[in-house]
Amino acid sequence: MALHLDERQRAMLQEMHIRVWWPAEPAEVASQPDAARGPAARPGAATAPARPVRPAPVAPAPAAAVQPAPVGRDGTPAAPDAALPADAGLPALAQVVAHCSACALCEGRKRAVFAPPLPARQTDWMIVGDPPTADDERAGSPFAGIEGELLDNMLRAVQCSRSGSGAAGAWLTHVVKCRPEVLRNPQADELARCAQHLRREVALVRPRMILAMGRFAAIALLSPTQPEVAQVPAGKLRGRLHHFEGVPVVVTYSPARLLRAPQEKAGAWADLCLARAALQSSDTPPAA
């Protein structure tokens, strides 16, 4: 799409380290899913990435659409946070997440990854990312390390931050909260179990816009109502509004993808503009 930038928008793009002039955006490669992350770079390799990245995931089969799982691993109900009182807040949810053992992703984890719940705050933006990285697990907080730095620059470009509230705030979370000891892609039932935590987060944070950053984030958020998204590259879901629990969703590239392919930053900027325009044009207040 053509972008006509004024001086203020050019300044925003500089915050994201995006050149004002971009070459034609390359065709999307369906065989390289958005959440793909390769192995760690070898020291001294001239073309190696600066950050460890993950192995390319395999697209789930058609039956992998995320559906609520009926029971947990031990036969107990699969909704680990359903027992929380209706008035329980983010600190209570954080405790549930920290001790959750509803699926195999918890095996070997060092710590669950969840945004600091205090002080409790409403934010107009919610950023949902792909599974946590080693940096995220070490920090115990979403989007740590160089990927978090890139995301912070992106949010700054739309006058927003992870520490703000309301229109100037973004709540950061991951589609699953655990990084397994043996790194692998999450399975459909694991996405479904953690989606229950995600639904509770949405209800507590009351965002007005969700930015889904990556393939697994898009699958978890959209497949309950659009099962076909499990077979569609995340890039094909860009450019239009979706919905999760009544909240508008814009799909974009993950920070890991943007670090591997800087030419995609132009598309990510367009996605941010779409989300911001939809948010600004909405007269709907946050859900009660």
Protein backbone atom coordinates (compact mmCIF):
# COMPACT_ATOMS: atom_id res chain seq x y z
CA MET A 1 0.00 0.00 0.00
CA ALA A 2 1.15 3.57 -0.58
CA LEU A 3 2.02 5.58 2.52
CA HIS A 4 2.00 9.38 2.46
CA LEU A 5 4.02 10.52 5.45
CA ASP A 6 4.09 13.88 7.14
CA GLU A 7 6.98 15.06 9.32
CA ARG A 8 5.41 13.63 12.49
CA GLN A 9 4.99 10.20 10.95
CA ARG A 10 8.58 10.28 9.67
CA ALA A 11 9.72 10.92 13.24
CA MET A 12 7.68 7.92 14.43
CA LEU A 13 9.31 5.70 11.84
CA GLN A 14 12.75 6.81 12.96
CA GLU A 15 11.88 5.55 16.45
CA MET A 16 11.29 2.14 14.87
CA HIS A 17 14.53 2.41 12.84
CA ILE A 18 12.61 2.18 9.57
CA ARG A 19 13.93 3.95 6.51
CA VAL A 20 11.51 6.46 5.01
CA TRP A 21 12.02 4.97 1.56
CA TRP A 22 11.36 1.23 1.21
CA PRO A 23 11.88 -1.10 -1.74
CA ALA A 24 8.87 -2.99 -3.02
CA GLU A 25 7.68 -5.38 -0.36
CA PRO A 26 8.67 -8.95 -1.31
CA ALA A 27 6.04 -11.59 -1.87
CA GLU A 28 5.13 -13.50 1.23
CA VAL A 29 6.56 -16.98 1.54
CA ALA A 30 3.84 -19.27 2.80
CA SER A 31 6.38 -21.95 3.70
CA GLN A 32 7.98 -19.66 6.31
CA PRO A 33 5.40 -19.21 9.08
CA ASP A 34 5.47 -15.95 11.02
CA ALA A 35 6.52 -17.51 14.30
CA ALA A 36 9.58 -19.26 12.79
CA ARG A 37 12.78 -18.80 14.76
CA GLY A 38 16.02 -20.43 13.77
CA PRO A 39 18.87 -21.78 15.95
CA ALA A 40 21.32 -19.53 17.73
CA ALA A 41 23.95 -17.80 15.60
CA ARG A 42 27.55 -18.97 15.74
CA PRO A 43 30.01 -16.37 17.01
CA GLY A 44 31.93 -14.72 14.21
CA ALA A 45 29.64 -15.81 11.37
CA ALA A 46 29.27 -12.86 9.02
CA THR A 47 25.69 -13.57 8.03
CA ALA A 48 24.44 -15.00 11.31
CA PRO A 49 21.59 -13.21 13.12
CA ALA A 50 22.45 -11.19 16.20
CA ARG A 51 19.93 -13.09 18.34
CA PRO A 52 18.99 -16.72 18.89
CA VAL A 53 15.90 -17.53 16.89
CA ARG A 54 13.54 -20.46 16.87
CA PRO A 55 13.13 -23.41 14.51
CA ALA A 56 10.53 -22.94 11.81
CA PRO A 57 7.21 -24.29 13.02
CA VAL A 58 5.07 -26.69 11.06
CA ALA A 59 1.61 -25.43 10.18
CA PRO A 60 -1.02 -27.27 12.23
CA ALA A 61 -3.32 -29.70 10.46
CA PRO A 62 -6.91 -28.66 9.72
CA ALA A 63 -8.04 -30.37 12.90
CA ALA A 64 -5.68 -28.17 14.90
CA ALA A 65 -8.15 -25.33 15.24
CA VAL A 66 -8.08 -24.22 18.85
CA GLN A 67 -11.07 -25.57 20.73
CA PRO A 68 -11.56 -25.60 24.51
CA ALA A 69 -10.12 -28.82 25.88
CA PRO A 70 -12.55 -30.79 28.07
CA VAL A 71 -10.14 -32.07 30.74
CA GLY A 72 -6.64 -31.47 32.04
CA ARG A 73 -3.73 -33.90 32.02
CA ASP A 74 -4.81 -35.43 35.31
CA GLY A 75 -8.50 -35.67 34.37
CA THR A 76 -9.48 -32.47 36.16
CA PRO A 77 -11.44 -29.71 34.38
CA ALA A 78 -9.32 -28.01 31.73
CA ALA A 79 -10.16 -24.47 32.83
CA PRO A 80 -7.50 -23.94 35.56
CA ASP A 81 -8.56 -20.35 36.25
CA ALA A 82 -12.31 -20.98 36.15
CA ALA A 83 -12.35 -21.38 39.93
CA LEU A 84 -11.16 -17.82 40.44
CA PRO A 85 -13.80 -15.62 42.06
CA ALA A 86 -15.58 -13.33 39.65
CA ASP A 87 -13.96 -10.31 41.31
CA ALA A 88 -10.43 -11.79 41.30
CA GLY A 89 -7.92 -9.49 39.62
CA LEU A 90 -4.64 -9.79 37.78
CA PRO A 91 -2.56 -10.73 40.87
CA ALA A 92 -4.77 -13.79 41.40
CA LEU A 93 -4.50 -14.73 37.73
CA ALA A 94 -0.72 -14.32 37.90
CA GLN A 95 -0.63 -16.84 40.75
CA VAL A 96 -2.76 -19.30 38.78
CA VAL A 97 -0.44 -18.96 35.78
CA ALA A 98 2.67 -19.40 37.95
CA HIS A 99 1.44 -22.75 39.26
CA CYS A 100 -0.45 -23.99 36.22
CA SER A 101 0.22 -27.61 35.20
CA ALA A 102 -2.70 -28.07 32.81
CA CYS A 103 -0.50 -29.15 29.88
CA ALA A 104 2.94 -30.49 29.03
CA LEU A 105 4.39 -27.03 28.31
CA CYS A 106 4.99 -26.63 32.05
CA GLU A 107 7.43 -29.55 32.12
CA GLY A 108 10.93 -28.22 32.66
CA ARG A 109 9.92 -24.57 32.71
CA LYS A 110 12.04 -22.33 34.90
CA ARG A 111 9.26 -19.83 35.49
CA ALA A 112 6.00 -18.79 33.90
CA VAL A 113 5.99 -15.61 31.82
CA PHE A 114 3.35 -13.08 32.83
CA ALA A 115 3.33 -9.29 32.92
CA PRO A 116 3.79 -7.77 36.39
CA PRO A 117 0.18 -7.50 37.62
CA LEU A 118 0.74 -4.49 39.89
CA PRO A 119 -0.37 -1.83 39.70
CA ALA A 120 -3.55 -3.10 38.09
CA ARG A 121 -4.42 -0.96 35.09
CA GLN A 122 -6.66 -0.79 32.07
CA THR A 123 -4.92 -0.35 28.72
CA ASP A 124 -6.48 0.32 25.33
CA TRP A 125 -3.86 -1.90 23.66
CA MET A 126 -3.11 -5.56 24.29
CA ILE A 127 -0.11 -7.11 22.53
CA VAL A 128 -0.30 -10.90 22.20
CA GLY A 129 2.92 -12.56 21.11
CA ASP A 130 4.05 -16.04 20.10
CA PRO A 131 5.47 -18.44 22.75
CA PRO A 132 8.07 -16.97 25.14
CA THR A 133 11.79 -16.89 24.37
CA ALA A 134 14.64 -17.77 26.71
CA ASP A 135 15.03 -14.04 27.45
CA ASP A 136 11.35 -13.81 28.39
CA GLU A 137 11.64 -16.80 30.71
CA ARG A 138 14.74 -15.42 32.43
CA ALA A 139 12.97 -12.10 32.98
CA GLY A 140 9.64 -13.71 33.88
CA SER A 141 8.07 -10.93 31.83
CA PRO A 142 6.84 -10.77 28.20
CA PHE A 143 8.92 -9.40 25.34
CA ALA A 144 12.33 -9.14 26.98
CA GLY A 145 15.67 -8.74 25.23
CA ILE A 146 16.20 -7.32 21.76
CA GLU A 147 12.70 -8.34 20.62
CA GLY A 148 11.25 -6.32 23.48
CA GLU A 149 13.38 -3.32 22.53
CA LEU A 150 11.99 -3.44 19.00
CA LEU A 151 8.43 -3.73 20.30
CA ASP A 152 8.97 -0.78 22.65
CA ASN A 153 10.10 1.32 19.66
CA MET A 154 7.03 0.27 17.72
CA LEU A 155 4.73 1.21 20.59
CA ARG A 156 6.53 4.52 21.06
CA ALA A 157 5.77 5.31 17.41
CA VAL A 158 2.04 5.27 18.26
CA GLN A 159 2.50 7.18 21.55
CA CYS A 160 2.14 4.09 23.71
CA SER A 161 4.23 2.10 26.20
CA ARG A 162 4.11 -1.07 28.25
CA SER A 163 4.08 0.99 31.45
CA GLY A 164 1.27 3.34 30.43
CA SER A 165 -2.46 3.09 30.94
CA GLY A 166 -5.56 3.87 28.95
CA ALA A 167 -4.89 5.09 25.40
CA ALA A 168 -1.16 5.42 26.19
CA GLY A 169 -0.81 1.91 27.63
CA ALA A 170 -0.23 -1.58 26.26
CA TRP A 171 -0.64 -4.84 28.17
CA LEU A 172 1.92 -7.38 26.93
CA THR A 173 1.34 -11.12 27.06
CA HIS A 174 2.17 -14.35 25.26
CA VAL A 175 -0.19 -16.84 23.70
CA VAL A 176 1.20 -19.49 26.08
CA LYS A 177 2.89 -18.67 29.37
CA CYS A 178 5.50 -21.44 29.57
CA ARG A 179 8.63 -22.22 27.58
CA PRO A 180 9.16 -25.99 27.68
CA GLU A 181 12.57 -27.41 28.53
CA VAL A 182 12.77 -29.04 25.10
CA LEU A 183 11.96 -26.23 22.68
CA ARG A 184 9.06 -27.09 20.37
CA ASN A 185 5.90 -25.64 18.90
CA PRO A 186 2.80 -25.65 21.12
CA GLN A 187 0.13 -28.20 20.25
CA ALA A 188 -3.50 -27.31 19.56
CA ASP A 189 -4.73 -28.52 22.97
CA GLU A 190 -1.97 -26.55 24.71
CA LEU A 191 -2.96 -23.38 22.88
CA ALA A 192 -6.56 -24.05 23.92
CA ARG A 193 -5.72 -24.45 27.60
CA CYS A 194 -3.65 -21.28 27.74
CA ALA A 195 -6.34 -19.45 25.75
CA GLN A 196 -8.43 -19.69 28.90
CA HIS A 197 -5.85 -17.58 30.72
CA LEU A 198 -5.84 -15.21 27.77
CA ARG A 199 -9.62 -14.78 27.88
CA ARG A 200 -9.36 -13.90 31.57
CA GLU A 201 -6.62 -11.38 30.81
CA VAL A 202 -8.80 -9.72 28.19
CA ALA A 203 -11.70 -9.52 30.64
CA LEU A 204 -9.49 -7.97 33.34
CA VAL A 205 -7.45 -5.57 31.20
CA ARG A 206 -10.41 -4.52 29.02
CA PRO A 207 -8.37 -3.60 25.92
CA ARG A 208 -9.97 -1.85 22.98
CA MET A 209 -7.49 -3.22 20.44
CA ILE A 210 -5.48 -6.47 20.30
CA LEU A 211 -2.33 -6.70 18.19
CA ALA A 212 -1.59 -10.36 17.39
CA MET A 213 2.14 -10.60 16.72
CA GLY A 214 2.91 -13.91 15.08
CA ARG A 215 1.36 -17.07 13.70
CA PHE A 216 0.55 -18.85 16.96
CA ALA A 217 -0.93 -15.67 18.42
CA ALA A 218 -3.22 -15.39 15.38
CA ILE A 219 -4.23 -19.05 15.59
CA ALA A 220 -5.09 -18.94 19.28
CA LEU A 221 -7.08 -15.72 18.98
CA LEU A 222 -8.94 -16.39 15.73
CA SER A 223 -9.35 -20.14 15.22
CA PRO A 224 -12.28 -20.58 17.65
CA THR A 225 -14.41 -18.57 15.21
CA GLN A 226 -12.29 -19.03 12.05
CA PRO A 227 -10.92 -22.61 12.05
CA GLU A 228 -9.38 -22.09 8.62
CA VAL A 229 -6.73 -19.71 9.99
CA ALA A 230 -4.66 -22.72 11.07
CA GLN A 231 -3.93 -23.30 7.37
CA VAL A 232 -3.32 -19.67 6.42
CA PRO A 233 0.09 -17.94 6.78
CA ALA A 234 -0.15 -15.15 9.33
CA GLY A 235 0.82 -12.63 6.65
CA LYS A 236 -2.37 -13.47 4.76
CA LEU A 237 -4.44 -12.44 7.80
CA ARG A 238 -3.02 -8.92 7.79
CA GLY A 239 -4.74 -5.83 6.45
CA ARG A 240 -8.19 -6.29 8.00
CA LEU A 241 -9.90 -6.35 11.37
CA HIS A 242 -10.72 -9.61 13.14
CA HIS A 243 -12.30 -10.05 16.58
CA PHE A 244 -11.65 -11.96 19.80
CA GLU A 245 -14.18 -11.88 22.63
CA GLY A 246 -15.71 -8.81 20.96
CA VAL A 247 -12.38 -6.92 20.81
CA PRO A 248 -10.92 -5.88 17.40
CA VAL A 249 -7.77 -7.79 16.43
CA VAL A 250 -5.07 -6.77 13.93
CA VAL A 251 -2.58 -9.46 12.89
CA THR A 252 1.02 -8.46 12.22
CA TYR A 253 4.50 -9.94 12.12
CA SER A 254 6.28 -11.08 15.27
CA PRO A 255 9.31 -9.11 16.49
CA ALA A 256 11.47 -12.15 15.70
CA ARG A 257 10.28 -12.04 12.07
CA LEU A 258 11.01 -8.31 11.86
CA LEU A 259 14.52 -8.84 13.18
CA ARG A 260 15.17 -11.56 10.61
CA ALA A 261 13.54 -9.66 7.75
CA PRO A 262 13.82 -5.87 8.30
CA GLN A 263 12.08 -5.23 4.98
CA GLU A 264 8.85 -6.41 6.65
CA LYS A 265 8.91 -3.41 9.00
CA ALA A 266 7.05 -1.38 6.38
CA GLY A 267 4.19 -3.86 6.59
CA ALA A 268 4.32 -3.82 10.40
CA TRP A 269 4.06 -0.03 10.33
CA ALA A 270 0.99 -0.30 8.08
CA ASP A 271 -0.54 -2.77 10.56
CA LEU A 272 0.08 -0.36 13.44
CA CYS A 273 -1.55 2.44 11.45
CA LEU A 274 -4.57 0.22 10.77
CA ALA A 275 -4.90 -0.66 14.45
CA ARG A 276 -4.48 2.94 15.57
CA ALA A 277 -7.02 4.21 13.02
CA ALA A 278 -9.56 1.57 14.08
CA LEU A 279 -8.99 2.44 17.72
CA GLN A 280 -9.33 6.17 17.17
CA SER A 281 -12.48 5.77 15.07
CA SER A 282 -14.18 3.58 17.64
CA ASP A 283 -16.59 5.23 20.04
CA THR A 284 -16.99 2.01 22.00
CA PRO A 285 -15.64 2.35 25.56
CA PRO A 286 -13.72 -0.51 27.21
CA ALA A 287 -15.94 -3.42 28.24
CA ALA A 288 -17.16 -3.30 31.82
